[in-house]
C-alpha cells in the first residue's frame, strides 16, 4: 500500500520560480460529454469524450501585483506542481500555456492579505521528475 503525500511537501512554480506563500492549489480536468440519442432508442447511440479543459486555482499570500498584471497583459504562463517536493522519480504535473482568468484580493483586519488566482491551460502533462 502506498503512503499518501503530505501537502506541505508540495512545490508550486510559475515558470522556473517557486510561488511563495501558496496555501491552497487546485487542479481540475473536465471533459464534455458527447451523447447522441436516435429516434426509437432510449440509450445513446454515441457516447464519447469531447472537448477537455484544464483549470487551476491558487490561493496565496499577497506579495505584489504580478498575477493581476499577467491577466491584464494576457500573458501565457506555465505552472508546474511537484506534489511530493523535488526528487528523481517523484510526480510532476505541468500546466502549459495557462491564461489567468481571475484575480481577487482579500484584506481582513486581523489577518494576512491574500490573493486568489484562477486560470485555464491548453494542456496538462503528468510525469515523474528526472
N, C-alpha and C. Protein backbone atom coordinates (compact mmCIF):
# COMPACT_ATOMS: atom_id res chain seq x y z
N UNK A 1 0.84 -1.18 0.00
CA UNK A 1 0.00 0.00 0.00
C UNK A 1 0.88 1.24 0.00
N UNK A 2 0.55 2.20 -0.84
CA UNK A 2 1.31 3.45 -0.92
C UNK A 2 0.96 4.37 0.23
N UNK A 3 1.86 5.27 0.53
CA UNK A 3 1.66 6.25 1.58
C UNK A 3 1.15 7.55 0.97
N UNK A 4 0.10 8.17 1.51
CA UNK A 4 -0.38 9.45 0.98
C UNK A 4 0.71 10.53 1.08
N UNK A 5 0.65 11.47 0.18
CA UNK A 5 1.62 12.58 0.16
C UNK A 5 1.09 13.71 1.04
N UNK A 6 1.95 14.25 1.87
CA UNK A 6 1.61 15.37 2.75
C UNK A 6 1.69 16.67 1.95
N UNK A 7 0.63 17.49 2.02
CA UNK A 7 0.54 18.71 1.23
C UNK A 7 1.66 19.71 1.44
N UNK A 8 2.20 19.77 2.63
CA UNK A 8 3.24 20.78 2.90
C UNK A 8 4.53 20.50 2.15
N UNK A 9 4.69 19.29 1.60
CA UNK A 9 5.88 18.97 0.80
C UNK A 9 5.81 19.54 -0.61
N UNK A 10 4.62 19.89 -1.04
CA UNK A 10 4.41 20.31 -2.43
C UNK A 10 5.15 21.61 -2.75
N UNK A 11 5.54 21.68 -4.00
CA UNK A 11 6.16 22.90 -4.54
C UNK A 11 5.35 23.30 -5.77
N UNK A 12 5.01 24.57 -5.86
CA UNK A 12 4.27 25.09 -7.00
C UNK A 12 5.12 26.17 -7.63
N UNK A 13 5.29 26.08 -8.96
CA UNK A 13 6.14 27.04 -9.66
C UNK A 13 5.38 27.73 -10.78
N UNK A 14 5.72 28.98 -10.99
CA UNK A 14 5.30 29.74 -12.17
C UNK A 14 6.56 29.83 -13.01
N UNK A 15 6.58 29.13 -14.13
CA UNK A 15 7.82 29.04 -14.90
C UNK A 15 8.83 28.28 -14.07
N UNK A 16 9.99 28.90 -13.81
CA UNK A 16 11.02 28.25 -13.00
C UNK A 16 11.07 28.78 -11.57
N UNK A 17 10.21 29.76 -11.26
CA UNK A 17 10.22 30.38 -9.93
C UNK A 17 9.14 29.78 -9.03
N UNK A 18 9.53 29.44 -7.82
CA UNK A 18 8.57 28.92 -6.85
C UNK A 18 7.58 30.02 -6.46
N UNK A 19 6.29 29.65 -6.45
CA UNK A 19 5.26 30.59 -6.00
C UNK A 19 5.31 30.59 -4.48
N UNK A 20 5.77 31.69 -3.92
CA UNK A 20 5.92 31.78 -2.47
C UNK A 20 4.60 31.97 -1.75
N UNK A 21 4.51 31.43 -0.57
CA UNK A 21 3.39 31.63 0.33
C UNK A 21 2.06 31.11 -0.21
N UNK A 22 2.10 30.10 -1.10
CA UNK A 22 0.86 29.47 -1.55
C UNK A 22 0.27 28.66 -0.39
N UNK A 23 -1.04 28.73 -0.22
CA UNK A 23 -1.70 27.99 0.85
C UNK A 23 -2.61 26.89 0.32
N UNK A 24 -3.15 27.06 -0.88
CA UNK A 24 -4.03 26.07 -1.49
C UNK A 24 -3.83 26.09 -3.00
N UNK A 25 -3.84 24.92 -3.60
CA UNK A 25 -3.77 24.79 -5.05
C UNK A 25 -4.76 23.71 -5.46
N UNK A 26 -5.55 24.00 -6.49
CA UNK A 26 -6.49 23.02 -7.03
C UNK A 26 -6.28 22.93 -8.53
N UNK A 27 -6.24 21.70 -9.04
CA UNK A 27 -6.14 21.45 -10.47
C UNK A 27 -7.31 20.56 -10.84
N UNK A 28 -7.98 20.89 -11.93
CA UNK A 28 -9.09 20.05 -12.37
C UNK A 28 -9.02 19.80 -13.87
N UNK A 29 -9.50 18.64 -14.26
CA UNK A 29 -9.64 18.28 -15.67
C UNK A 29 -11.12 18.00 -15.89
N UNK A 30 -11.69 18.66 -16.88
CA UNK A 30 -13.09 18.44 -17.24
C UNK A 30 -13.17 18.00 -18.70
N UNK A 31 -14.05 17.06 -18.98
CA UNK A 31 -14.30 16.62 -20.35
C UNK A 31 -15.79 16.75 -20.62
N UNK A 32 -16.11 17.42 -21.71
CA UNK A 32 -17.51 17.48 -22.12
C UNK A 32 -17.93 16.10 -22.61
N UNK A 33 -19.17 15.80 -22.46
CA UNK A 33 -19.69 14.52 -22.88
C UNK A 33 -20.46 14.68 -24.18
N UNK A 34 -20.10 13.87 -25.16
CA UNK A 34 -20.84 13.82 -26.41
C UNK A 34 -21.82 12.66 -26.28
N UNK A 35 -23.11 12.98 -26.25
CA UNK A 35 -24.12 11.96 -26.06
C UNK A 35 -25.26 12.23 -27.03
N UNK A 36 -25.46 11.30 -27.97
CA UNK A 36 -26.46 11.47 -29.02
C UNK A 36 -27.45 10.31 -28.96
N UNK A 37 -28.73 10.67 -28.98
CA UNK A 37 -29.80 9.68 -29.00
C UNK A 37 -30.44 9.68 -30.39
N UNK A 38 -30.85 8.52 -30.85
CA UNK A 38 -31.58 8.40 -32.11
C UNK A 38 -33.05 8.13 -31.80
N UNK A 39 -33.89 8.52 -32.70
CA UNK A 39 -35.32 8.25 -32.54
C UNK A 39 -35.53 6.75 -32.39
N UNK A 40 -36.29 6.39 -31.38
CA UNK A 40 -36.56 4.98 -31.14
C UNK A 40 -35.60 4.31 -30.16
N UNK A 41 -34.54 5.01 -29.77
CA UNK A 41 -33.58 4.46 -28.81
C UNK A 41 -33.66 5.23 -27.49
N UNK A 42 -33.64 4.49 -26.37
CA UNK A 42 -33.61 5.16 -25.08
C UNK A 42 -32.20 5.15 -24.48
N UNK A 43 -31.27 4.63 -25.25
CA UNK A 43 -29.86 4.64 -24.87
C UNK A 43 -29.09 5.41 -25.94
N UNK A 44 -28.01 6.08 -25.54
CA UNK A 44 -27.27 6.84 -26.56
C UNK A 44 -26.65 5.94 -27.62
N UNK A 45 -26.74 6.39 -28.87
CA UNK A 45 -26.07 5.67 -29.96
C UNK A 45 -24.62 6.12 -30.08
N UNK A 46 -24.33 7.30 -29.56
CA UNK A 46 -22.95 7.80 -29.49
C UNK A 46 -22.73 8.31 -28.07
N UNK A 47 -21.68 7.82 -27.44
CA UNK A 47 -21.27 8.29 -26.12
C UNK A 47 -19.75 8.36 -26.15
N UNK A 48 -19.24 9.58 -26.08
CA UNK A 48 -17.80 9.76 -26.22
C UNK A 48 -17.34 10.97 -25.42
N UNK A 49 -16.05 11.02 -25.21
CA UNK A 49 -15.44 12.15 -24.54
C UNK A 49 -15.21 13.27 -25.55
N UNK A 50 -15.59 14.49 -25.16
CA UNK A 50 -15.45 15.63 -26.07
C UNK A 50 -14.33 16.56 -25.67
N UNK A 51 -14.56 17.84 -25.83
CA UNK A 51 -13.56 18.85 -25.52
C UNK A 51 -13.15 18.79 -24.06
N UNK A 52 -11.89 19.04 -23.81
CA UNK A 52 -11.35 18.98 -22.45
C UNK A 52 -10.86 20.36 -22.02
N UNK A 53 -10.94 20.60 -20.70
CA UNK A 53 -10.38 21.83 -20.16
C UNK A 53 -9.58 21.49 -18.92
N UNK A 54 -8.56 22.31 -18.67
CA UNK A 54 -7.59 22.08 -17.59
C UNK A 54 -7.51 23.36 -16.77
N UNK A 55 -8.10 23.33 -15.58
CA UNK A 55 -8.20 24.55 -14.77
C UNK A 55 -7.31 24.47 -13.54
N UNK A 56 -6.88 25.63 -13.10
CA UNK A 56 -6.06 25.72 -11.89
C UNK A 56 -6.53 26.91 -11.07
N UNK A 57 -6.49 26.75 -9.76
CA UNK A 57 -6.73 27.89 -8.86
C UNK A 57 -5.67 27.83 -7.75
N UNK A 58 -5.22 29.00 -7.37
CA UNK A 58 -4.18 29.13 -6.36
C UNK A 58 -4.59 30.20 -5.36
N UNK A 59 -4.48 29.85 -4.09
CA UNK A 59 -4.65 30.82 -3.00
C UNK A 59 -3.27 31.07 -2.44
N UNK A 60 -2.89 32.34 -2.30
CA UNK A 60 -1.57 32.65 -1.78
C UNK A 60 -1.59 33.97 -1.03
N UNK A 61 -0.58 34.14 -0.21
CA UNK A 61 -0.41 35.41 0.48
C UNK A 61 0.06 36.44 -0.53
N UNK A 62 -0.51 37.62 -0.44
CA UNK A 62 -0.22 38.69 -1.39
C UNK A 62 1.18 39.24 -1.18
N UNK A 63 1.92 39.38 -2.28
CA UNK A 63 3.25 39.99 -2.26
C UNK A 63 3.26 41.26 -3.13
N UNK A 64 2.75 41.12 -4.37
CA UNK A 64 2.71 42.25 -5.29
C UNK A 64 1.63 41.99 -6.34
N UNK A 65 1.58 42.80 -7.37
CA UNK A 65 0.52 42.73 -8.38
C UNK A 65 0.87 41.88 -9.60
N UNK A 66 1.87 41.02 -9.50
CA UNK A 66 2.35 40.24 -10.66
C UNK A 66 1.23 39.47 -11.35
N UNK A 67 0.42 38.75 -10.57
CA UNK A 67 -0.60 37.90 -11.17
C UNK A 67 -1.74 38.72 -11.76
N UNK A 68 -2.11 39.80 -11.12
CA UNK A 68 -3.12 40.70 -11.69
C UNK A 68 -2.61 41.28 -13.00
N UNK A 69 -1.34 41.63 -13.05
CA UNK A 69 -0.77 42.19 -14.27
C UNK A 69 -0.72 41.13 -15.38
N UNK A 70 -0.46 39.86 -15.02
CA UNK A 70 -0.49 38.78 -16.02
C UNK A 70 -1.86 38.71 -16.69
N UNK A 71 -2.93 38.92 -15.92
CA UNK A 71 -4.27 38.91 -16.51
C UNK A 71 -4.44 40.09 -17.45
N UNK A 72 -4.05 41.27 -16.99
CA UNK A 72 -4.19 42.46 -17.82
C UNK A 72 -3.38 42.36 -19.10
N UNK A 73 -2.21 41.73 -19.03
CA UNK A 73 -1.33 41.59 -20.20
C UNK A 73 -1.73 40.42 -21.10
N UNK A 74 -2.59 39.52 -20.60
CA UNK A 74 -2.94 38.33 -21.38
C UNK A 74 -1.78 37.36 -21.50
N UNK A 75 -0.89 37.37 -20.52
CA UNK A 75 0.31 36.52 -20.55
C UNK A 75 -0.06 35.05 -20.50
N UNK A 76 0.70 34.23 -21.23
CA UNK A 76 0.59 32.78 -21.14
C UNK A 76 1.75 32.30 -20.27
N UNK A 77 1.43 31.57 -19.21
CA UNK A 77 2.45 31.13 -18.27
C UNK A 77 2.41 29.60 -18.13
N UNK A 78 3.45 29.04 -17.57
CA UNK A 78 3.50 27.62 -17.26
C UNK A 78 3.45 27.49 -15.74
N UNK A 79 2.61 26.58 -15.27
CA UNK A 79 2.54 26.26 -13.85
C UNK A 79 3.00 24.82 -13.69
N UNK A 80 3.94 24.61 -12.79
CA UNK A 80 4.45 23.27 -12.51
C UNK A 80 4.17 22.95 -11.04
N UNK A 81 3.63 21.76 -10.82
CA UNK A 81 3.32 21.32 -9.46
C UNK A 81 4.14 20.06 -9.17
N UNK A 82 4.88 20.10 -8.07
CA UNK A 82 5.65 18.95 -7.61
C UNK A 82 4.99 18.52 -6.29
N UNK A 83 3.99 17.63 -6.36
CA UNK A 83 3.20 17.31 -5.17
C UNK A 83 4.01 16.78 -3.99
N UNK A 84 5.10 16.07 -4.25
CA UNK A 84 5.91 15.48 -3.18
C UNK A 84 7.29 16.12 -3.09
N UNK A 85 7.39 17.38 -3.53
CA UNK A 85 8.67 18.08 -3.49
C UNK A 85 9.58 17.64 -4.62
N UNK A 86 10.84 18.03 -4.52
CA UNK A 86 11.83 17.76 -5.56
C UNK A 86 12.51 16.42 -5.31
N UNK A 87 12.70 15.65 -6.39
CA UNK A 87 13.41 14.38 -6.28
C UNK A 87 13.18 13.49 -7.48
N UNK A 88 14.20 12.78 -7.88
CA UNK A 88 14.11 11.88 -9.02
C UNK A 88 13.02 10.84 -8.76
N UNK A 89 12.14 10.67 -9.75
CA UNK A 89 11.07 9.70 -9.66
C UNK A 89 9.81 10.21 -8.98
N UNK A 90 9.85 11.42 -8.41
CA UNK A 90 8.67 11.98 -7.76
C UNK A 90 7.75 12.59 -8.81
N UNK A 91 6.45 12.68 -8.52
CA UNK A 91 5.50 13.16 -9.52
C UNK A 91 5.66 14.63 -9.88
N UNK A 92 5.29 14.92 -11.14
CA UNK A 92 5.34 16.28 -11.68
C UNK A 92 4.08 16.48 -12.51
N UNK A 93 3.42 17.61 -12.30
CA UNK A 93 2.25 17.99 -13.09
C UNK A 93 2.57 19.35 -13.72
N UNK A 94 2.48 19.43 -15.05
CA UNK A 94 2.76 20.68 -15.74
C UNK A 94 1.51 21.15 -16.48
N UNK A 95 1.15 22.40 -16.27
CA UNK A 95 0.05 23.02 -17.00
C UNK A 95 0.67 24.04 -17.94
N UNK A 96 0.45 23.86 -19.23
CA UNK A 96 1.10 24.68 -20.25
C UNK A 96 0.17 25.74 -20.82
N UNK A 97 0.75 26.88 -21.17
CA UNK A 97 0.01 27.99 -21.77
C UNK A 97 -1.19 28.40 -20.93
N UNK A 98 -0.95 28.58 -19.64
CA UNK A 98 -2.03 28.97 -18.73
C UNK A 98 -2.37 30.45 -18.96
N UNK A 99 -3.64 30.69 -19.19
CA UNK A 99 -4.15 32.06 -19.24
C UNK A 99 -4.87 32.29 -17.92
N UNK A 100 -4.41 33.25 -17.16
CA UNK A 100 -5.08 33.57 -15.91
C UNK A 100 -6.37 34.32 -16.22
N UNK A 101 -7.46 33.91 -15.58
CA UNK A 101 -8.78 34.45 -15.90
C UNK A 101 -9.42 35.21 -14.74
N UNK A 102 -8.87 35.05 -13.54
CA UNK A 102 -9.49 35.70 -12.39
C UNK A 102 -8.43 36.00 -11.33
N UNK A 103 -8.54 37.16 -10.73
CA UNK A 103 -7.65 37.55 -9.63
C UNK A 103 -8.50 38.28 -8.60
N UNK A 104 -8.35 37.91 -7.34
CA UNK A 104 -9.11 38.55 -6.27
C UNK A 104 -8.20 38.79 -5.08
N UNK A 105 -8.30 39.97 -4.52
CA UNK A 105 -7.53 40.35 -3.34
C UNK A 105 -8.47 40.38 -2.14
N UNK A 106 -8.05 39.76 -1.04
CA UNK A 106 -8.86 39.73 0.18
C UNK A 106 -8.05 40.32 1.33
N UNK A 107 -8.61 41.37 1.94
CA UNK A 107 -7.95 42.02 3.07
C UNK A 107 -8.86 41.89 4.29
N UNK A 108 -8.31 41.31 5.34
CA UNK A 108 -9.03 41.24 6.61
C UNK A 108 -8.20 41.94 7.66
N UNK A 109 -8.86 42.68 8.53
CA UNK A 109 -8.18 43.50 9.53
C UNK A 109 -7.27 42.67 10.42
N UNK A 110 -7.65 41.44 10.72
CA UNK A 110 -6.87 40.64 11.66
C UNK A 110 -6.11 39.49 11.00
N UNK A 111 -5.82 39.63 9.71
CA UNK A 111 -5.13 38.54 9.03
C UNK A 111 -4.15 39.03 7.98
N UNK A 112 -3.61 38.07 7.26
CA UNK A 112 -2.68 38.35 6.17
C UNK A 112 -3.47 38.64 4.90
N UNK A 113 -3.02 39.57 4.11
CA UNK A 113 -3.67 39.86 2.83
C UNK A 113 -3.44 38.68 1.90
N UNK A 114 -4.55 38.18 1.29
CA UNK A 114 -4.49 37.00 0.44
C UNK A 114 -4.91 37.37 -0.98
N UNK A 115 -4.45 36.58 -1.94
CA UNK A 115 -4.92 36.73 -3.30
C UNK A 115 -5.31 35.36 -3.85
N UNK A 116 -6.35 35.36 -4.66
CA UNK A 116 -6.84 34.15 -5.31
C UNK A 116 -6.64 34.32 -6.81
N UNK A 117 -6.11 33.28 -7.43
CA UNK A 117 -5.82 33.32 -8.87
C UNK A 117 -6.45 32.10 -9.51
N UNK A 118 -7.10 32.29 -10.66
CA UNK A 118 -7.64 31.17 -11.41
C UNK A 118 -7.22 31.29 -12.86
N UNK A 119 -7.09 30.14 -13.51
CA UNK A 119 -6.73 30.15 -14.91
C UNK A 119 -7.04 28.83 -15.58
N UNK A 120 -6.77 28.81 -16.88
CA UNK A 120 -7.01 27.61 -17.67
C UNK A 120 -5.84 27.39 -18.61
N UNK A 121 -5.43 26.12 -18.72
CA UNK A 121 -4.28 25.74 -19.54
C UNK A 121 -4.73 25.12 -20.85
N UNK A 122 -3.84 25.13 -21.83
CA UNK A 122 -4.14 24.47 -23.10
C UNK A 122 -3.84 22.98 -23.03
N UNK A 123 -2.99 22.58 -22.07
CA UNK A 123 -2.62 21.16 -21.94
C UNK A 123 -2.11 20.90 -20.53
N UNK A 124 -2.20 19.63 -20.14
CA UNK A 124 -1.67 19.19 -18.86
C UNK A 124 -0.84 17.93 -19.11
N UNK A 125 0.27 17.83 -18.40
CA UNK A 125 1.16 16.67 -18.55
C UNK A 125 1.48 16.11 -17.17
N UNK A 126 1.34 14.80 -17.05
CA UNK A 126 1.71 14.09 -15.82
C UNK A 126 2.98 13.31 -16.11
N UNK A 127 4.00 13.49 -15.28
CA UNK A 127 5.26 12.77 -15.49
C UNK A 127 5.94 12.59 -14.14
N UNK A 128 7.14 12.04 -14.19
CA UNK A 128 7.97 11.96 -12.99
C UNK A 128 9.22 12.80 -13.24
N UNK A 129 9.77 13.30 -12.15
CA UNK A 129 10.98 14.13 -12.24
C UNK A 129 12.17 13.25 -12.57
N UNK A 130 13.08 13.80 -13.38
CA UNK A 130 14.30 13.06 -13.73
C UNK A 130 15.52 13.85 -13.35
